[in-house]
């Protein structure tokens, strides 16, 4: 989707279509993570997760999630014993 950079106060910005915001459950005041991918010439915008807001490293969260998916049932079974 082609968007135009427009002035917003003393800054510049890009307006995000309402349907995209609704799909990601974002609204005014929602936090997003903005990163620059210089190699590919892209600006990446992602909805912020609670883990990111808490300052946790994305790779760490991914590894912990994988561990829980893999070993969660065994850990629950052990907790019942």
PDB file of N, CA and C in Angstrom:
ATOM      1  N   UNK A   1       0.836  -1.172   0.000  1.00  0.00           N
ATOM      2  CA  UNK A   1       0.000   0.000   0.000  1.00  0.00           C
ATOM      3  C   UNK A   1       0.885   1.241   0.000  1.00  0.00           C
ATOM      4  N   UNK A   2       0.642   2.115  -0.898  1.00  0.00           N
ATOM      5  CA  UNK A   2       1.414   3.346  -1.008  1.00  0.00           C
ATOM      6  C   UNK A   2       0.828   4.393  -0.070  1.00  0.00           C
ATOM      7  N   UNK A   3       1.676   4.984   0.776  1.00  0.00           N
ATOM      8  CA  UNK A   3       1.263   6.037   1.706  1.00  0.00           C
ATOM      9  C   UNK A   3       2.174   7.236   1.504  1.00  0.00           C
ATOM     10  N   UNK A   4       1.693   8.403   1.871  1.00  0.00           N
ATOM     11  CA  UNK A   4       2.445   9.640   1.712  1.00  0.00           C
ATOM     12  C   UNK A   4       2.862  10.158   3.089  1.00  0.00           C
ATOM     13  N   UNK A   5       4.109  10.605   3.210  1.00  0.00           N
ATOM     14  CA  UNK A   5       4.582  11.210   4.454  1.00  0.00           C
ATOM     15  C   UNK A   5       3.953  12.597   4.552  1.00  0.00           C
ATOM     16  N   UNK A   6       3.370  12.890   5.717  1.00  0.00           N
ATOM     17  CA  UNK A   6       2.690  14.172   5.887  1.00  0.00           C
ATOM     18  C   UNK A   6       3.173  14.859   7.166  1.00  0.00           C
ATOM     19  N   UNK A   7       3.013  16.177   7.240  1.00  0.00           N
ATOM     20  CA  UNK A   7       3.438  16.889   8.450  1.00  0.00           C
ATOM     21  C   UNK A   7       2.483  16.608   9.608  1.00  0.00           C
ATOM     22  N   UNK A   8       3.052  16.381  10.783  1.00  0.00           N
ATOM     23  CA  UNK A   8       2.279  16.207  12.015  1.00  0.00           C
ATOM     24  C   UNK A   8       2.963  17.082  13.056  1.00  0.00           C
ATOM     25  N   UNK A   9       2.416  18.262  13.298  1.00  0.00           N
ATOM     26  CA  UNK A   9       3.070  19.217  14.189  1.00  0.00           C
ATOM     27  C   UNK A   9       4.413  19.607  13.604  1.00  0.00           C
ATOM     28  N   UNK A  10       5.476  19.504  14.423  1.00  0.00           N
ATOM     29  CA  UNK A  10       6.832  19.805  13.955  1.00  0.00           C
ATOM     30  C   UNK A  10       7.529  18.567  13.398  1.00  0.00           C
ATOM     31  N   UNK A  11       6.820  17.455  13.339  1.00  0.00           N
ATOM     32  CA  UNK A  11       7.392  16.193  12.865  1.00  0.00           C
ATOM     33  C   UNK A  11       6.751  15.798  11.545  1.00  0.00           C
ATOM     34  N   UNK A  12       7.067  14.604  11.116  1.00  0.00           N
ATOM     35  CA  UNK A  12       6.460  14.035   9.919  1.00  0.00           C
ATOM     36  C   UNK A  12       5.974  12.642  10.274  1.00  0.00           C
ATOM     37  N   UNK A  13       4.939  12.178   9.601  1.00  0.00           N
ATOM     38  CA  UNK A  13       4.401  10.869   9.921  1.00  0.00           C
ATOM     39  C   UNK A  13       3.668  10.256   8.751  1.00  0.00           C
ATOM     40  N   UNK A  14       3.217   9.039   8.988  1.00  0.00           N
ATOM     41  CA  UNK A  14       2.446   8.288   8.002  1.00  0.00           C
ATOM     42  C   UNK A  14       1.146   7.888   8.677  1.00  0.00           C
ATOM     43  N   UNK A  15       0.032   8.163   8.041  1.00  0.00           N
ATOM     44  CA  UNK A  15      -1.257   7.768   8.590  1.00  0.00           C
ATOM     45  C   UNK A  15      -1.492   6.292   8.281  1.00  0.00           C
ATOM     46  N   UNK A  16      -1.941   5.559   9.292  1.00  0.00           N
ATOM     47  CA  UNK A  16      -2.180   4.123   9.146  1.00  0.00           C
ATOM     48  C   UNK A  16      -3.682   3.912   8.968  1.00  0.00           C
ATOM     49  N   UNK A  17      -4.086   3.172   7.933  1.00  0.00           N
ATOM     50  CA  UNK A  17      -5.508   2.952   7.681  1.00  0.00           C
ATOM     51  C   UNK A  17      -6.221   2.296   8.873  1.00  0.00           C
ATOM     52  N   UNK A  18      -7.466   2.705   9.084  1.00  0.00           N
ATOM     53  CA  UNK A  18      -8.263   2.237  10.213  1.00  0.00           C
ATOM     54  C   UNK A  18      -8.384   0.715  10.244  1.00  0.00           C
ATOM     55  N   UNK A  19      -8.586   0.083   9.081  1.00  0.00           N
ATOM     56  CA  UNK A  19      -8.752  -1.371   9.063  1.00  0.00           C
ATOM     57  C   UNK A  19      -7.497  -2.094   9.535  1.00  0.00           C
ATOM     58  N   UNK A  20      -6.325  -1.552   9.225  1.00  0.00           N
ATOM     59  CA  UNK A  20      -5.076  -2.156   9.701  1.00  0.00           C
ATOM     60  C   UNK A  20      -4.967  -2.020  11.220  1.00  0.00           C
ATOM     61  N   UNK A  21      -5.313  -0.849  11.727  1.00  0.00           N
ATOM     62  CA  UNK A  21      -5.264  -0.631  13.176  1.00  0.00           C
ATOM     63  C   UNK A  21      -6.225  -1.574  13.892  1.00  0.00           C
ATOM     64  N   UNK A  22      -7.417  -1.733  13.347  1.00  0.00           N
ATOM     65  CA  UNK A  22      -8.404  -2.623  13.959  1.00  0.00           C
ATOM     66  C   UNK A  22      -7.930  -4.068  13.937  1.00  0.00           C
ATOM     67  N   UNK A  23      -7.323  -4.483  12.838  1.00  0.00           N
ATOM     68  CA  UNK A  23      -6.825  -5.859  12.728  1.00  0.00           C
ATOM     69  C   UNK A  23      -5.795  -6.161  13.815  1.00  0.00           C
ATOM     70  N   UNK A  24      -4.934  -5.187  14.101  1.00  0.00           N
ATOM     71  CA  UNK A  24      -3.892  -5.367  15.117  1.00  0.00           C
ATOM     72  C   UNK A  24      -4.333  -4.901  16.504  1.00  0.00           C
ATOM     73  N   UNK A  25      -5.600  -4.498  16.618  1.00  0.00           N
ATOM     74  CA  UNK A  25      -6.158  -4.005  17.886  1.00  0.00           C
ATOM     75  C   UNK A  25      -5.352  -2.831  18.437  1.00  0.00           C
ATOM     76  N   UNK A  26      -5.027  -1.903  17.567  1.00  0.00           N
ATOM     77  CA  UNK A  26      -4.286  -0.705  17.950  1.00  0.00           C
ATOM     78  C   UNK A  26      -5.213   0.497  17.914  1.00  0.00           C
ATOM     79  N   UNK A  27      -4.959   1.445  18.795  1.00  0.00           N
ATOM     80  CA  UNK A  27      -5.742   2.671  18.842  1.00  0.00           C
ATOM     81  C   UNK A  27      -4.832   3.804  19.289  1.00  0.00           C
ATOM     82  N   UNK A  28      -5.367   4.992  19.371  1.00  0.00           N
ATOM     83  CA  UNK A  28      -4.591   6.132  19.847  1.00  0.00           C
ATOM     84  C   UNK A  28      -4.023   5.785  21.223  1.00  0.00           C
ATOM     85  N   UNK A  29      -2.731   5.970  21.401  1.00  0.00           N
ATOM     86  CA  UNK A  29      -2.074   5.662  22.667  1.00  0.00           C
ATOM     87  C   UNK A  29      -1.438   4.283  22.716  1.00  0.00           C
ATOM     88  N   UNK A  30      -1.761   3.415  21.741  1.00  0.00           N
ATOM     89  CA  UNK A  30      -1.129   2.090  21.700  1.00  0.00           C
ATOM     90  C   UNK A  30       0.357   2.253  21.428  1.00  0.00           C
ATOM     91  N   UNK A  31       1.143   1.342  21.990  1.00  0.00           N
ATOM     92  CA  UNK A  31       2.586   1.393  21.769  1.00  0.00           C
ATOM     93  C   UNK A  31       2.966   0.463  20.623  1.00  0.00           C
ATOM     94  N   UNK A  32       3.873   0.944  19.780  1.00  0.00           N
ATOM     95  CA  UNK A  32       4.399   0.142  18.681  1.00  0.00           C
ATOM     96  C   UNK A  32       5.917   0.227  18.713  1.00  0.00           C
ATOM     97  N   UNK A  33       6.547  -0.773  18.142  1.00  0.00           N
ATOM     98  CA  UNK A  33       8.005  -0.766  18.026  1.00  0.00           C
ATOM     99  C   UNK A  33       8.351  -0.397  16.589  1.00  0.00           C
ATOM    100  N   UNK A  34       9.214   0.586  16.435  1.00  0.00           N
ATOM    101  CA  UNK A  34       9.632   1.046  15.111  1.00  0.00           C
ATOM    102  C   UNK A  34      11.120   0.751  14.958  1.00  0.00           C
ATOM    103  N   UNK A  35      11.465   0.018  13.887  1.00  0.00           N
ATOM    104  CA  UNK A  35      12.870  -0.324  13.635  1.00  0.00           C
ATOM    105  C   UNK A  35      13.222   0.022  12.199  1.00  0.00           C
ATOM    106  N   UNK A  36      14.481   0.329  12.012  1.00  0.00           N
ATOM    107  CA  UNK A  36      15.001   0.632  10.684  1.00  0.00           C
ATOM    108  C   UNK A  36      15.825  -0.552  10.196  1.00  0.00           C
ATOM    109  N   UNK A  37      15.481  -1.077   9.035  1.00  0.00           N
ATOM    110  CA  UNK A  37      16.253  -2.140   8.393  1.00  0.00           C
ATOM    111  C   UNK A  37      17.007  -1.483   7.238  1.00  0.00           C
ATOM    112  N   UNK A  38      18.210  -1.005   7.553  1.00  0.00           N
ATOM    113  CA  UNK A  38      18.991  -0.264   6.550  1.00  0.00           C
ATOM    114  C   UNK A  38      19.366  -1.130   5.355  1.00  0.00           C
ATOM    115  N   UNK A  39      19.675  -2.400   5.596  1.00  0.00           N
ATOM    116  CA  UNK A  39      20.097  -3.284   4.505  1.00  0.00           C
ATOM    117  C   UNK A  39      19.009  -3.433   3.452  1.00  0.00           C
ATOM    118  N   UNK A  40      17.766  -3.528   3.904  1.00  0.00           N
ATOM    119  CA  UNK A  40      16.652  -3.715   2.969  1.00  0.00           C
ATOM    120  C   UNK A  40      15.930  -2.412   2.656  1.00  0.00           C
ATOM    121  N   UNK A  41      16.364  -1.304   3.284  1.00  0.00           N
ATOM    122  CA  UNK A  41      15.744  -0.011   3.031  1.00  0.00           C
ATOM    123  C   UNK A  41      14.301   0.048   3.486  1.00  0.00           C
ATOM    124  N   UNK A  42      14.033  -0.497   4.695  1.00  0.00           N
ATOM    125  CA  UNK A  42      12.658  -0.569   5.183  1.00  0.00           C
ATOM    126  C   UNK A  42      12.544  -0.026   6.601  1.00  0.00           C
ATOM    127  N   UNK A  43      11.397   0.523   6.890  1.00  0.00           N
ATOM    128  CA  UNK A  43      11.018   0.880   8.254  1.00  0.00           C
ATOM    129  C   UNK A  43       9.975  -0.147   8.672  1.00  0.00           C
ATOM    130  N   UNK A  44      10.213  -0.822   9.781  1.00  0.00           N
ATOM    131  CA  UNK A  44       9.312  -1.861  10.263  1.00  0.00           C
ATOM    132  C   UNK A  44       8.551  -1.342  11.478  1.00  0.00           C
ATOM    133  N   UNK A  45       7.252  -1.528  11.474  1.00  0.00           N
ATOM    134  CA  UNK A  45       6.412  -1.118  12.597  1.00  0.00           C
ATOM    135  C   UNK A  45       5.679  -2.355  13.083  1.00  0.00           C
ATOM    136  N   UNK A  46       5.834  -2.679  14.378  1.00  0.00           N
ATOM    137  CA  UNK A  46       5.181  -3.846  14.955  1.00  0.00           C
ATOM    138  C   UNK A  46       4.409  -3.444  16.195  1.00  0.00           C
ATOM    139  N   UNK A  47       3.265  -4.090  16.386  1.00  0.00           N
ATOM    140  CA  UNK A  47       2.515  -3.883  17.617  1.00  0.00           C
ATOM    141  C   UNK A  47       3.387  -4.345  18.777  1.00  0.00           C
ATOM    142  N   UNK A  48       3.439  -3.557  19.812  1.00  0.00           N
ATOM    143  CA  UNK A  48       4.270  -3.879  20.970  1.00  0.00           C
ATOM    144  C   UNK A  48       3.582  -4.938  21.817  1.00  0.00           C
ATOM    145  N   UNK A  49       4.341  -5.915  22.273  1.00  0.00           N
ATOM    146  CA  UNK A  49       3.801  -6.926  23.176  1.00  0.00           C
ATOM    147  C   UNK A  49       4.114  -6.525  24.607  1.00  0.00           C
ATOM    148  N   UNK A  50       3.459  -7.172  25.557  1.00  0.00           N
ATOM    149  CA  UNK A  50       3.732  -6.885  26.966  1.00  0.00           C
ATOM    150  C   UNK A  50       5.181  -7.190  27.299  1.00  0.00           C
ATOM    151  N   UNK A  51       5.741  -8.223  26.683  1.00  0.00           N
ATOM    152  CA  UNK A  51       7.138  -8.583  26.935  1.00  0.00           C
ATOM    153  C   UNK A  51       8.068  -7.468  26.484  1.00  0.00           C
ATOM    154  N   UNK A  52       7.786  -6.888  25.316  1.00  0.00           N
ATOM    155  CA  UNK A  52       8.625  -5.797  24.824  1.00  0.00           C
ATOM    156  C   UNK A  52       8.508  -4.582  25.732  1.00  0.00           C
ATOM    157  N   UNK A  53       7.287  -4.296  26.196  1.00  0.00           N
ATOM    158  CA  UNK A  53       7.086  -3.149  27.068  1.00  0.00           C
ATOM    159  C   UNK A  53       7.795  -3.341  28.401  1.00  0.00           C
ATOM    160  N   UNK A  54       7.955  -4.598  28.812  1.00  0.00           N
ATOM    161  CA  UNK A  54       8.652  -4.890  30.064  1.00  0.00           C
ATOM    162  C   UNK A  54      10.165  -4.859  29.870  1.00  0.00           C
ATOM    163  N   UNK A  55      10.615  -4.697  28.623  1.00  0.00           N
ATOM    164  CA  UNK A  55      12.044  -4.607  28.344  1.00  0.00           C
ATOM    165  C   UNK A  55      12.713  -5.955  28.132  1.00  0.00           C
ATOM    166  N   UNK A  56      11.930  -7.001  27.867  1.00  0.00           N
ATOM    167  CA  UNK A  56      12.507  -8.319  27.641  1.00  0.00           C
ATOM    168  C   UNK A  56      12.975  -8.444  26.195  1.00  0.00           C
ATOM    169  N   UNK A  57      14.094  -9.104  26.006  1.00  0.00           N
ATOM    170  CA  UNK A  57      14.660  -9.330  24.685  1.00  0.00           C
ATOM    171  C   UNK A  57      13.761 -10.270  23.882  1.00  0.00           C
ATOM    172  N   UNK A  58      13.503  -9.928  22.639  1.00  0.00           N
ATOM    173  CA  UNK A  58      12.618 -10.720  21.780  1.00  0.00           C
ATOM    174  C   UNK A  58      13.112 -12.161  21.630  1.00  0.00           C
ATOM    175  N   UNK A  59      14.417 -12.356  21.467  1.00  0.00           N
ATOM    176  CA  UNK A  59      14.978 -13.708  21.319  1.00  0.00           C
ATOM    177  C   UNK A  59      14.756 -14.523  22.587  1.00  0.00           C
ATOM    178  N   UNK A  60      14.942 -13.905  23.750  1.00  0.00           N
ATOM    179  CA  UNK A  60      14.722 -14.591  25.022  1.00  0.00           C
ATOM    180  C   UNK A  60      13.260 -15.030  25.142  1.00  0.00           C
ATOM    181  N   UNK A  61      12.345 -14.139  24.822  1.00  0.00           N
ATOM    182  CA  UNK A  61      10.919 -14.461  24.897  1.00  0.00           C
ATOM    183  C   UNK A  61      10.593 -15.608  23.952  1.00  0.00           C
ATOM    184  N   UNK A  62      11.178 -15.601  22.769  1.00  0.00           N
ATOM    185  CA  UNK A  62      10.958 -16.669  21.802  1.00  0.00           C
ATOM    186  C   UNK A  62      11.462 -18.013  22.330  1.00  0.00           C
ATOM    187  N   UNK A  63      12.633 -18.011  22.948  1.00  0.00           N
ATOM    188  CA  UNK A  63      13.193 -19.248  23.495  1.00  0.00           C
ATOM    189  C   UNK A  63      12.352 -19.775  24.651  1.00  0.00           C
ATOM    190  N   UNK A  64      11.913 -18.891  25.531  1.00  0.00           N
ATOM    191  CA  UNK A  64      11.079 -19.315  26.664  1.00  0.00           C
ATOM    192  C   UNK A  64       9.746 -19.862  26.156  1.00  0.00           C
ATOM    193  N   UNK A  65       9.164 -19.224  25.159  1.00  0.00           N
ATOM    194  CA  UNK A  65       7.901 -19.701  24.590  1.00  0.00           C
ATOM    195  C   UNK A  65       8.068 -21.096  23.992  1.00  0.00           C
ATOM    196  N   UNK A  66       9.163 -21.311  23.279  1.00  0.00           N
ATOM    197  CA  UNK A  66       9.442 -22.630  22.713  1.00  0.00           C
ATOM    198  C   UNK A  66       9.615 -23.687  23.787  1.00  0.00           C
ATOM    199  N   UNK A  67      10.296 -23.324  24.868  1.00  0.00           N
ATOM    200  CA  UNK A  67      10.498 -24.250  25.988  1.00  0.00           C
ATOM    201  C   UNK A  67       9.156 -24.635  26.599  1.00  0.00           C
ATOM    202  N   UNK A  68       8.303 -23.646  26.819  1.00  0.00           N
ATOM    203  CA  UNK A  68       7.002 -23.906  27.434  1.00  0.00           C
ATOM    204  C   UNK A  68       6.146 -24.787  26.531  1.00  0.00           C
ATOM    205  N   UNK A  69       6.159 -24.523  25.222  1.00  0.00           N
ATOM    206  CA  UNK A  69       5.389 -25.353  24.293  1.00  0.00           C
ATOM    207  C   UNK A  69       5.884 -26.791  24.313  1.00  0.00           C
ATOM    208  N   UNK A  70       7.191 -26.946  24.355  1.00  0.00           N
ATOM    209  CA  UNK A  70       7.768 -28.288  24.279  1.00  0.00           C
ATOM    210  C   UNK A  70       7.629 -29.060  25.588  1.00  0.00           C
ATOM    211  N   UNK A  71       7.920 -28.406  26.710  1.00  0.00           N
ATOM    212  CA  UNK A  71       7.969 -29.108  27.989  1.00  0.00           C
ATOM    213  C   UNK A  71       6.798 -28.800  28.921  1.00  0.00           C
ATOM    214  N   UNK A  72       5.878 -27.937  28.490  1.00  0.00           N
ATOM    215  CA  UNK A  72       4.743 -27.562  29.333  1.00  0.00           C
ATOM    216  C   UNK A  72       3.941 -28.745  29.858  1.00  0.00           C
ATOM    217  N   UNK A  73       3.525 -29.684  28.993  1.00  0.00           N
ATOM    218  CA  UNK A  73       2.743 -30.824  29.480  1.00  0.00           C
ATOM    219  C   UNK A  73       3.501 -31.664  30.520  1.00  0.00           C
ATOM    220  N   UNK A  74       4.782 -31.882  30.301  1.00  0.00           N
ATOM    221  CA  UNK A  74       5.576 -32.663  31.261  1.00  0.00           C
ATOM    222  C   UNK A  74       5.696 -31.920  32.587  1.00  0.00           C
ATOM    223  N   UNK A  75       5.884 -30.622  32.542  1.00  0.00           N
ATOM    224  CA  UNK A  75       5.991 -29.836  33.772  1.00  0.00           C
ATOM    225  C   UNK A  75       4.669 -29.835  34.539  1.00  0.00           C
ATOM    226  N   UNK A  76       3.548 -29.761  33.823  1.00  0.00           N
ATOM    227  CA  UNK A  76       2.235 -29.814  34.485  1.00  0.00           C
ATOM    228  C   UNK A  76       2.021 -31.170  35.142  1.00  0.00           C
ATOM    229  N   UNK A  77       2.423 -32.239  34.452  1.00  0.00           N
ATOM    230  CA  UNK A  77       2.277 -33.584  35.014  1.00  0.00           C
ATOM    231  C   UNK A  77       3.131 -33.742  36.267  1.00  0.00           C
ATOM    232  N   UNK A  78       4.342 -33.227  36.243  1.00  0.00           N
ATOM    233  CA  UNK A  78       5.214 -33.297  37.420  1.00  0.00           C
ATOM    234  C   UNK A  78       4.648 -32.488  38.583  1.00  0.00           C
ATOM    235  N   UNK A  79       4.020 -31.375  38.292  1.00  0.00           N
ATOM    236  CA  UNK A  79       3.462 -30.525  39.350  1.00  0.00           C
ATOM    237  C   UNK A  79       2.317 -31.213  40.074  1.00  0.00           C
ATOM    238  N   UNK A  80       1.624 -32.134  39.406  1.00  0.00           N
ATOM    239  CA  UNK A  80       0.499 -32.844  40.020  1.00  0.00           C
ATOM    240  C   UNK A  80       0.950 -33.973  40.935  1.00  0.00           C
ATOM    241  N   UNK A  81       2.213 -34.395  40.827  1.00  0.00           N
ATOM    242  CA  UNK A  81       2.708 -35.527  41.628  1.00  0.00           C
ATOM    243  C   UNK A  81       3.117 -35.098  42.997  1.00  0.00           C
TER     244      UNK A  81
END
